[in-house]
Amino acid sequence: LGTLLEIMALICGMPVCTQYHFGDFCARMIDRMKHF
C-alpha cells in the first residue's frame, strides 16, 4: 500500500530524485493535497 502513497505523491508533483524521511514525506503530501 506504500506504492499507493507514492502514486499520490506523483499526483502532488513531489520530486522523485530526493531521499525523504517518511514522516516528512507524508506531511508534505498532505499539505499539497489541501491545495488540490
PDB file of all heavy atoms in Angstrom:
ATOM      1  N   LEU A   1       0.813  -1.208   0.000  1.00  0.00           N
ATOM      2  CA  LEU A   1       0.000   0.000   0.000  1.00  0.00           C
ATOM      3  C   LEU A   1       0.851   1.264   0.000  1.00  0.00           C
ATOM      4  O   LEU A   1       0.366   2.341  -0.317  1.00  0.00           O
ATOM      5  CB  LEU A   1      -0.940  -0.010   1.203  1.00  0.00           C
ATOM      6  CG  LEU A   1      -2.054  -1.059   1.117  1.00  0.00           C
ATOM      7  CD1 LEU A   1      -2.831  -1.157   2.406  1.00  0.00           C
ATOM      8  CD2 LEU A   1      -3.007  -0.707  -0.020  1.00  0.00           C
ATOM      9  N   GLY A   2       2.125   1.105   0.357  1.00  0.00           N
ATOM     10  CA  GLY A   2       3.036   2.240   0.263  1.00  0.00           C
ATOM     11  C   GLY A   2       3.145   2.774  -1.156  1.00  0.00           C
ATOM     12  O   GLY A   2       3.366   3.969  -1.367  1.00  0.00           O
ATOM     13  N   THR A   3       2.988   1.879  -2.149  1.00  0.00           N
ATOM     14  CA  THR A   3       3.036   2.337  -3.538  1.00  0.00           C
ATOM     15  C   THR A   3       1.859   3.259  -3.853  1.00  0.00           C
ATOM     16  O   THR A   3       1.961   4.126  -4.714  1.00  0.00           O
ATOM     17  CB  THR A   3       3.046   1.152  -4.512  1.00  0.00           C
ATOM     18  OG1 THR A   3       1.870   0.340  -4.323  1.00  0.00           O
ATOM     19  CG2 THR A   3       4.279   0.281  -4.286  1.00  0.00           C
ATOM     20  N   LEU A   4       0.729   3.059  -3.161  1.00  0.00           N
ATOM     21  CA  LEU A   4      -0.407   3.955  -3.352  1.00  0.00           C
ATOM     22  C   LEU A   4      -0.075   5.357  -2.847  1.00  0.00           C
ATOM     23  O   LEU A   4      -0.418   6.356  -3.480  1.00  0.00           O
ATOM     24  CB  LEU A   4      -1.632   3.402  -2.627  1.00  0.00           C
ATOM     25  CG  LEU A   4      -2.931   4.220  -2.726  1.00  0.00           C
ATOM     26  CD1 LEU A   4      -3.338   4.420  -4.183  1.00  0.00           C
ATOM     27  CD2 LEU A   4      -4.056   3.525  -1.953  1.00  0.00           C
ATOM     28  N   LEU A   5       0.625   5.436  -1.722  1.00  0.00           N
ATOM     29  CA  LEU A   5       1.063   6.737  -1.224  1.00  0.00           C
ATOM     30  C   LEU A   5       2.023   7.407  -2.212  1.00  0.00           C
ATOM     31  O   LEU A   5       1.966   8.615  -2.428  1.00  0.00           O
ATOM     32  CB  LEU A   5       1.740   6.589   0.136  1.00  0.00           C
ATOM     33  CG  LEU A   5       0.889   6.067   1.290  1.00  0.00           C
ATOM     34  CD1 LEU A   5       1.686   6.084   2.592  1.00  0.00           C
ATOM     35  CD2 LEU A   5      -0.377   6.885   1.431  1.00  0.00           C
ATOM     36  N   GLU A   6       2.889   6.615  -2.801  1.00  0.00           N
ATOM     37  CA  GLU A   6       3.829   7.172  -3.777  1.00  0.00           C
ATOM     38  C   GLU A   6       3.100   7.704  -5.011  1.00  0.00           C
ATOM     39  O   GLU A   6       3.484   8.726  -5.578  1.00  0.00           O
ATOM     40  CB  GLU A   6       4.848   6.111  -4.182  1.00  0.00           C
ATOM     41  CG  GLU A   6       5.817   5.738  -3.059  1.00  0.00           C
ATOM     42  CD  GLU A   6       7.003   4.945  -3.558  1.00  0.00           C
ATOM     43  OE1 GLU A   6       7.212   4.912  -4.784  1.00  0.00           O
ATOM     44  OE2 GLU A   6       7.730   4.374  -2.736  1.00  0.00           O
ATOM     45  N   ILE A   7       2.059   7.002  -5.432  1.00  0.00           N
ATOM     46  CA  ILE A   7       1.275   7.473  -6.565  1.00  0.00           C
ATOM     47  C   ILE A   7       0.623   8.812  -6.238  1.00  0.00           C
ATOM     48  O   ILE A   7       0.577   9.726  -7.067  1.00  0.00           O
ATOM     49  CB  ILE A   7       0.228   6.425  -6.964  1.00  0.00           C
ATOM     50  CG1 ILE A   7       0.906   5.255  -7.676  1.00  0.00           C
ATOM     51  CG2 ILE A   7      -0.853   7.028  -7.858  1.00  0.00           C
ATOM     52  CD1 ILE A   7       0.016   4.073  -7.937  1.00  0.00           C
ATOM     53  N   MET A   8       0.153   8.938  -5.009  1.00  0.00           N
ATOM     54  CA  MET A   8      -0.414  10.218  -4.582  1.00  0.00           C
ATOM     55  C   MET A   8       0.642  11.312  -4.605  1.00  0.00           C
ATOM     56  O   MET A   8       0.361  12.460  -4.964  1.00  0.00           O
ATOM     57  CB  MET A   8      -1.006  10.077  -3.182  1.00  0.00           C
ATOM     58  CG  MET A   8      -2.214   9.161  -3.131  1.00  0.00           C
ATOM     59  SD  MET A   8      -2.638   8.723  -1.431  1.00  0.00           S
ATOM     60  CE  MET A   8      -2.997  10.345  -0.766  1.00  0.00           C
ATOM     61  N   ALA A   9       1.875  10.957  -4.250  1.00  0.00           N
ATOM     62  CA  ALA A   9       2.965  11.934  -4.303  1.00  0.00           C
ATOM     63  C   ALA A   9       3.233  12.377  -5.736  1.00  0.00           C
ATOM     64  O   ALA A   9       3.552  13.541  -5.992  1.00  0.00           O
ATOM     65  CB  ALA A   9       4.225  11.346  -3.671  1.00  0.00           C
ATOM     66  N   LEU A  10       3.110  11.430  -6.691  1.00  0.00           N
ATOM     67  CA  LEU A  10       3.245  11.792  -8.098  1.00  0.00           C
ATOM     68  C   LEU A  10       2.143  12.766  -8.508  1.00  0.00           C
ATOM     69  O   LEU A  10       2.389  13.730  -9.240  1.00  0.00           O
ATOM     70  CB  LEU A  10       3.193  10.541  -8.980  1.00  0.00           C
ATOM     71  CG  LEU A  10       4.379   9.578  -8.906  1.00  0.00           C
ATOM     72  CD1 LEU A  10       4.087   8.321  -9.731  1.00  0.00           C
ATOM     73  CD2 LEU A  10       5.660  10.235  -9.412  1.00  0.00           C
ATOM     74  N   ILE A  11       0.920  12.505  -8.040  1.00  0.00           N
ATOM     75  CA  ILE A  11      -0.192  13.410  -8.325  1.00  0.00           C
ATOM     76  C   ILE A  11       0.092  14.796  -7.755  1.00  0.00           C
ATOM     77  O   ILE A  11      -0.238  15.815  -8.358  1.00  0.00           O
ATOM     78  CB  ILE A  11      -1.504  12.861  -7.731  1.00  0.00           C
ATOM     79  CG1 ILE A  11      -1.870  11.520  -8.366  1.00  0.00           C
ATOM     80  CG2 ILE A  11      -2.655  13.852  -7.940  1.00  0.00           C
ATOM     81  CD1 ILE A  11      -3.048  10.830  -7.694  1.00  0.00           C
ATOM     82  N   CYS A  12       0.753  14.826  -6.602  1.00  0.00           N
ATOM     83  CA  CYS A  12       1.079  16.090  -5.944  1.00  0.00           C
ATOM     84  C   CYS A  12       2.252  16.817  -6.593  1.00  0.00           C
ATOM     85  O   CYS A  12       2.549  17.961  -6.245  1.00  0.00           O
ATOM     86  CB  CYS A  12       1.409  15.850  -4.474  1.00  0.00           C
ATOM     87  SG  CYS A  12       0.010  15.305  -3.471  1.00  0.00           S
ATOM     88  N   GLY A  13       2.931  16.139  -7.517  1.00  0.00           N
ATOM     89  CA  GLY A  13       4.083  16.762  -8.157  1.00  0.00           C
ATOM     90  C   GLY A  13       5.319  16.814  -7.285  1.00  0.00           C
ATOM     91  O   GLY A  13       6.195  17.665  -7.481  1.00  0.00           O
ATOM     92  N   MET A  14       5.444  15.897  -6.308  1.00  0.00           N
ATOM     93  CA  MET A  14       6.620  15.873  -5.445  1.00  0.00           C
ATOM     94  C   MET A  14       7.812  15.284  -6.188  1.00  0.00           C
ATOM     95  O   MET A  14       7.678  14.256  -6.864  1.00  0.00           O
ATOM     96  CB  MET A  14       6.328  15.071  -4.174  1.00  0.00           C
ATOM     97  CG  MET A  14       5.356  15.779  -3.241  1.00  0.00           C
ATOM     98  SD  MET A  14       4.966  14.835  -1.741  1.00  0.00           S
ATOM     99  CE  MET A  14       6.580  14.658  -0.986  1.00  0.00           C
ATOM    100  N   PRO A  15       8.988  15.899  -6.089  1.00  0.00           N
ATOM    101  CA  PRO A  15      10.164  15.411  -6.810  1.00  0.00           C
ATOM    102  C   PRO A  15      10.523  13.980  -6.415  1.00  0.00           C
ATOM    103  O   PRO A  15      10.458  13.622  -5.235  1.00  0.00           O
ATOM    104  CB  PRO A  15      11.268  16.389  -6.375  1.00  0.00           C
ATOM    105  CG  PRO A  15      10.552  17.601  -5.872  1.00  0.00           C
ATOM    106  CD  PRO A  15       9.265  17.124  -5.305  1.00  0.00           C
ATOM    107  N   VAL A  16      10.905  13.187  -7.401  1.00  0.00           N
ATOM    108  CA  VAL A  16      11.272  11.800  -7.153  1.00  0.00           C
ATOM    109  C   VAL A  16      12.730  11.675  -6.743  1.00  0.00           C
ATOM    110  O   VAL A  16      13.072  10.825  -5.903  1.00  0.00           O
ATOM    111  CB  VAL A  16      10.993  10.937  -8.408  1.00  0.00           C
ATOM    112  CG1 VAL A  16      11.518   9.519  -8.226  1.00  0.00           C
ATOM    113  CG2 VAL A  16       9.501  10.904  -8.709  1.00  0.00           C
ATOM    114  N   CYS A  17      13.600  12.492  -7.319  1.00  0.00           N
ATOM    115  CA  CYS A  17      15.042  12.363  -7.091  1.00  0.00           C
ATOM    116  C   CYS A  17      15.486  13.041  -5.800  1.00  0.00           C
ATOM    117  O   CYS A  17      16.429  13.833  -5.767  1.00  0.00           O
ATOM    118  CB  CYS A  17      15.819  12.915  -8.293  1.00  0.00           C
ATOM    119  SG  CYS A  17      15.633  11.903  -9.784  1.00  0.00           S
ATOM    120  N   THR A  18      14.790  12.719  -4.710  1.00  0.00           N
ATOM    121  CA  THR A  18      15.099  13.217  -3.374  1.00  0.00           C
ATOM    122  C   THR A  18      14.920  12.072  -2.393  1.00  0.00           C
ATOM    123  O   THR A  18      14.000  11.262  -2.550  1.00  0.00           O
ATOM    124  CB  THR A  18      14.163  14.386  -2.991  1.00  0.00           C
ATOM    125  OG1 THR A  18      14.355  15.478  -3.904  1.00  0.00           O
ATOM    126  CG2 THR A  18      14.424  14.869  -1.581  1.00  0.00           C
ATOM    127  N   GLN A  19      15.772  11.985  -1.398  1.00  0.00           N
ATOM    128  CA  GLN A  19      15.590  10.994  -0.342  1.00  0.00           C
ATOM    129  C   GLN A  19      14.850  11.651   0.811  1.00  0.00           C
ATOM    130  O   GLN A  19      15.288  12.666   1.347  1.00  0.00           O
ATOM    131  CB  GLN A  19      16.931  10.420   0.115  1.00  0.00           C
ATOM    132  CG  GLN A  19      16.799   9.205   1.020  1.00  0.00           C
ATOM    133  CD  GLN A  19      18.108   8.467   1.230  1.00  0.00           C
ATOM    134  OE1 GLN A  19      19.171   8.974   0.873  1.00  0.00           O
ATOM    135  NE2 GLN A  19      18.062   7.264   1.791  1.00  0.00           N
ATOM    136  N   TYR A  20      13.713  11.060   1.189  1.00  0.00           N
ATOM    137  CA  TYR A  20      12.832  11.649   2.196  1.00  0.00           C
ATOM    138  C   TYR A  20      12.835  10.827   3.481  1.00  0.00           C
ATOM    139  O   TYR A  20      12.984   9.596   3.448  1.00  0.00           O
ATOM    140  CB  TYR A  20      11.377  11.685   1.698  1.00  0.00           C
ATOM    141  CG  TYR A  20      11.109  12.515   0.470  1.00  0.00           C
ATOM    142  CD1 TYR A  20      11.192  11.948  -0.795  1.00  0.00           C
ATOM    143  CD2 TYR A  20      10.729  13.844   0.561  1.00  0.00           C
ATOM    144  CE1 TYR A  20      10.915  12.699  -1.933  1.00  0.00           C
ATOM    145  CE2 TYR A  20      10.441  14.607  -0.566  1.00  0.00           C
ATOM    146  CZ  TYR A  20      10.537  14.021  -1.819  1.00  0.00           C
ATOM    147  OH  TYR A  20      10.257  14.751  -2.951  1.00  0.00           O
ATOM    148  N   HIS A  21      12.624  11.485   4.593  1.00  0.00           N
ATOM    149  CA  HIS A  21      12.161  10.798   5.789  1.00  0.00           C
ATOM    150  C   HIS A  21      10.658  10.582   5.630  1.00  0.00           C
ATOM    151  O   HIS A  21       9.942  11.491   5.194  1.00  0.00           O
ATOM    152  CB  HIS A  21      12.470  11.603   7.046  1.00  0.00           C
ATOM    153  CG  HIS A  21      13.910  11.510   7.464  1.00  0.00           C
ATOM    154  ND1 HIS A  21      14.476  10.333   7.932  1.00  0.00           N
ATOM    155  CD2 HIS A  21      14.891  12.440   7.481  1.00  0.00           C
ATOM    156  CE1 HIS A  21      15.754  10.547   8.211  1.00  0.00           C
ATOM    157  NE2 HIS A  21      16.039  11.798   7.943  1.00  0.00           N
ATOM    158  N   PHE A  22      10.189   9.394   5.967  1.00  0.00           N
ATOM    159  CA  PHE A  22       8.824   9.009   5.631  1.00  0.00           C
ATOM    160  C   PHE A  22       7.787   9.950   6.250  1.00  0.00           C
ATOM    161  O   PHE A  22       6.815  10.338   5.590  1.00  0.00           O
ATOM    162  CB  PHE A  22       8.563   7.567   6.082  1.00  0.00           C
ATOM    163  CG  PHE A  22       7.219   7.042   5.668  1.00  0.00           C
ATOM    164  CD1 PHE A  22       6.952   6.761   4.343  1.00  0.00           C
ATOM    165  CD2 PHE A  22       6.221   6.838   6.613  1.00  0.00           C
ATOM    166  CE1 PHE A  22       5.705   6.276   3.948  1.00  0.00           C
ATOM    167  CE2 PHE A  22       4.976   6.352   6.234  1.00  0.00           C
ATOM    168  CZ  PHE A  22       4.714   6.071   4.905  1.00  0.00           C
ATOM    169  N   GLY A  23       7.976  10.314   7.498  1.00  0.00           N
ATOM    170  CA  GLY A  23       7.026  11.215   8.141  1.00  0.00           C
ATOM    171  C   GLY A  23       6.959  12.562   7.448  1.00  0.00           C
ATOM    172  O   GLY A  23       5.881  13.122   7.240  1.00  0.00           O
ATOM    173  N   ASP A  24       8.106  13.103   7.077  1.00  0.00           N
ATOM    174  CA  ASP A  24       8.160  14.381   6.365  1.00  0.00           C
ATOM    175  C   ASP A  24       7.519  14.255   4.994  1.00  0.00           C
ATOM    176  O   ASP A  24       6.822  15.165   4.530  1.00  0.00           O
ATOM    177  CB  ASP A  24       9.611  14.844   6.246  1.00  0.00           C
ATOM    178  CG  ASP A  24       9.736  16.208   5.589  1.00  0.00           C
ATOM    179  OD1 ASP A  24       9.081  17.152   6.047  1.00  0.00           O
ATOM    180  OD2 ASP A  24      10.514  16.324   4.619  1.00  0.00           O
ATOM    181  N   PHE A  25       7.756  13.113   4.329  1.00  0.00           N
ATOM    182  CA  PHE A  25       7.165  12.834   3.031  1.00  0.00           C
ATOM    183  C   PHE A  25       5.643  12.906   3.110  1.00  0.00           C
ATOM    184  O   PHE A  25       4.989  13.559   2.286  1.00  0.00           O
ATOM    185  CB  PHE A  25       7.632  11.447   2.576  1.00  0.00           C
ATOM    186  CG  PHE A  25       6.983  10.902   1.338  1.00  0.00           C
ATOM    187  CD1 PHE A  25       7.400  11.311   0.084  1.00  0.00           C
ATOM    188  CD2 PHE A  25       5.974   9.956   1.434  1.00  0.00           C
ATOM    189  CE1 PHE A  25       6.822  10.781  -1.063  1.00  0.00           C
ATOM    190  CE2 PHE A  25       5.392   9.426   0.293  1.00  0.00           C
ATOM    191  CZ  PHE A  25       5.809   9.842  -0.956  1.00  0.00           C
ATOM    192  N   CYS A  26       5.057  12.253   4.107  1.00  0.00           N
ATOM    193  CA  CYS A  26       3.610  12.245   4.259  1.00  0.00           C
ATOM    194  C   CYS A  26       3.068  13.629   4.601  1.00  0.00           C
ATOM    195  O   CYS A  26       2.029  14.052   4.084  1.00  0.00           O
ATOM    196  CB  CYS A  26       3.203  11.243   5.339  1.00  0.00           C
ATOM    197  SG  CYS A  26       3.543   9.510   4.913  1.00  0.00           S
ATOM    198  N   ALA A  27       3.781  14.345   5.455  1.00  0.00           N
ATOM    199  CA  ALA A  27       3.339  15.686   5.833  1.00  0.00           C
ATOM    200  C   ALA A  27       3.318  16.627   4.640  1.00  0.00           C
ATOM    201  O   ALA A  27       2.379  17.405   4.451  1.00  0.00           O
ATOM    202  CB  ALA A  27       4.245  16.239   6.935  1.00  0.00           C
ATOM    203  N   ARG A  28       4.365  16.563   3.814  1.00  0.00           N
ATOM    204  CA  ARG A  28       4.416  17.409   2.617  1.00  0.00           C
ATOM    205  C   ARG A  28       3.277  17.067   1.661  1.00  0.00           C
ATOM    206  O   ARG A  28       2.673  17.945   1.049  1.00  0.00           O
ATOM    207  CB  ARG A  28       5.749  17.235   1.908  1.00  0.00           C
ATOM    208  CG  ARG A  28       6.960  17.755   2.665  1.00  0.00           C
ATOM    209  CD  ARG A  28       8.194  17.711   1.776  1.00  0.00           C
ATOM    210  NE  ARG A  28       9.420  17.869   2.512  1.00  0.00           N
ATOM    211  CZ  ARG A  28      10.609  17.988   1.934  1.00  0.00           C
ATOM    212  NH1 ARG A  28      10.711  17.979   0.621  1.00  0.00           N
ATOM    213  NH2 ARG A  28      11.695  18.126   2.680  1.00  0.00           N
ATOM    214  N   MET A  29       3.012  15.777   1.545  1.00  0.00           N
ATOM    215  CA  MET A  29       1.960  15.337   0.628  1.00  0.00           C
ATOM    216  C   MET A  29       0.589  15.839   1.092  1.00  0.00           C
ATOM    217  O   MET A  29      -0.194  16.348   0.288  1.00  0.00           O
ATOM    218  CB  MET A  29       1.980  13.813   0.541  1.00  0.00           C
ATOM    219  CG  MET A  29       1.103  13.272  -0.547  1.00  0.00           C
ATOM    220  SD  MET A  29       1.460  11.556  -0.991  1.00  0.00           S
ATOM    221  CE  MET A  29       2.082  10.836   0.496  1.00  0.00           C
ATOM    222  N   ILE A  30       0.297  15.701   2.375  1.00  0.00           N
ATOM    223  CA  ILE A  30      -0.962  16.183   2.921  1.00  0.00           C
ATOM    224  C   ILE A  30      -1.107  17.677   2.690  1.00  0.00           C
ATOM    225  O   ILE A  30      -2.170  18.173   2.304  1.00  0.00           O
ATOM    226  CB  ILE A  30      -1.067  15.866   4.423  1.00  0.00           C
ATOM    227  CG1 ILE A  30      -1.222  14.367   4.651  1.00  0.00           C
ATOM    228  CG2 ILE A  30      -2.220  16.635   5.061  1.00  0.00           C
ATOM    229  CD1 ILE A  30      -2.557  13.810   4.284  1.00  0.00           C
ATOM    230  N   ASP A  31      -0.041  18.420   2.911  1.00  0.00           N
ATOM    231  CA  ASP A  31      -0.070  19.866   2.718  1.00  0.00           C
ATOM    232  C   ASP A  31      -0.397  20.208   1.270  1.00  0.00           C
ATOM    233  O   ASP A  31      -1.183  21.125   1.002  1.00  0.00           O
ATOM    234  CB  ASP A  31       1.264  20.473   3.129  1.00  0.00           C
ATOM    235  CG  ASP A  31       1.247  21.987   3.116  1.00  0.00           C
ATOM    236  OD1 ASP A  31       0.434  22.572   3.833  1.00  0.00           O
ATOM    237  OD2 ASP A  31       2.044  22.580   2.374  1.00  0.00           O
ATOM    238  N   ARG A  32       0.223  19.483   0.337  1.00  0.00           N
ATOM    239  CA  ARG A  32      -0.050  19.738  -1.072  1.00  0.00           C
ATOM    240  C   ARG A  32      -1.479  19.365  -1.450  1.00  0.00           C
ATOM    241  O   ARG A  32      -2.127  20.061  -2.249  1.00  0.00           O
ATOM    242  CB  ARG A  32       0.940  18.991  -1.949  1.00  0.00           C
ATOM    243  CG  ARG A  32       2.350  19.573  -1.918  1.00  0.00           C
ATOM    244  CD  ARG A  32       3.327  18.751  -2.715  1.00  0.00           C
ATOM    245  NE  ARG A  32       4.644  19.365  -2.725  1.00  0.00           N
ATOM    246  CZ  ARG A  32       5.265  19.814  -3.805  1.00  0.00           C
ATOM    247  NH1 ARG A  32       4.683  19.716  -4.990  1.00  0.00           N
ATOM    248  NH2 ARG A  32       6.466  20.366  -3.721  1.00  0.00           N
ATOM    249  N   MET A  33      -1.997  18.298  -0.885  1.00  0.00           N
ATOM    250  CA  MET A  33      -3.349  17.866  -1.208  1.00  0.00           C
ATOM    251  C   MET A  33      -4.410  18.863  -0.747  1.00  0.00           C
ATOM    252  O   MET A  33      -5.476  18.979  -1.348  1.00  0.00           O
ATOM    253  CB  MET A  33      -3.625  16.499  -0.590  1.00  0.00           C
ATOM    254  CG  MET A  33      -2.982  15.367  -1.363  1.00  0.00           C
ATOM    255  SD  MET A  33      -3.496  13.786  -0.751  1.00  0.00           S
ATOM    256  CE  MET A  33      -2.044  13.123  -0.257  1.00  0.00           C
ATOM    257  N   LYS A  34      -4.102  19.596   0.310  1.00  0.00           N
ATOM    258  CA  LYS A  34      -5.040  20.607   0.794  1.00  0.00           C
ATOM    259  C   LYS A  34      -5.271  21.709  -0.231  1.00  0.00           C
ATOM    260  O   LYS A  34      -6.238  22.464  -0.119  1.00  0.00           O
ATOM    261  CB  LYS A  34      -4.527  21.199   2.107  1.00  0.00           C
ATOM    262  CG  LYS A  34      -4.558  20.222   3.277  1.00  0.00           C
ATOM    263  CD  LYS A  34      -3.966  20.846   4.524  1.00  0.00           C
ATOM    264  CE  LYS A  34      -3.990  19.876   5.696  1.00  0.00           C
ATOM    265  NZ  LYS A  34      -3.362  20.471   6.920  1.00  0.00           N
ATOM    266  N   HIS A  35      -4.381  21.795  -1.225  1.00  0.00           N
ATOM    267  CA  HIS A  35      -4.488  22.825  -2.252  1.00  0.00           C
ATOM    268  C   HIS A  35      -4.964  22.257  -3.594  1.00  0.00           C
ATOM    269  O   HIS A  35      -4.918  22.948  -4.609  1.00  0.00           O
ATOM    270  CB  HIS A  35      -3.152  23.541  -2.428  1.00  0.00           C
ATOM    271  CG  HIS A  35      -2.657  24.224  -1.185  1.00  0.00           C
ATOM    272  ND1 HIS A  35      -2.994  25.516  -0.862  1.00  0.00           N
ATOM    273  CD2 HIS A  35      -1.876  23.775  -0.178  1.00  0.00           C
ATOM    274  CE1 HIS A  35      -2.426  25.841   0.296  1.00  0.00           C
ATOM    275  NE2 HIS A  35      -1.733  24.804   0.733  1.00  0.00           N
ATOM    276  N   PHE A  36      -5.433  21.011  -3.579  1.00  0.00           N
ATOM    277  CA  PHE A  36      -5.889  20.374  -4.812  1.00  0.00           C
ATOM    278  C   PHE A  36      -7.012  21.147  -5.485  1.00  0.00           C
ATOM    279  O   PHE A  36      -7.120  21.173  -6.705  1.00  0.00           O
ATOM    280  CB  PHE A  36      -6.361  18.947  -4.526  1.00  0.00           C
ATOM    281  CG  PHE A  36      -5.284  17.915  -4.678  1.00  0.00           C
ATOM    282  CD1 PHE A  36      -3.952  18.278  -4.755  1.00  0.00           C
ATOM    283  CD2 PHE A  36      -5.606  16.569  -4.743  1.00  0.00           C
ATOM    284  CE1 PHE A  36      -2.961  17.319  -4.890  1.00  0.00           C
ATOM    285  CE2 PHE A  36      -4.625  15.607  -4.875  1.00  0.00           C
ATOM    286  CZ  PHE A  36      -3.304  15.981  -4.947  1.00  0.00           C
TER     287      PHE A  36
END
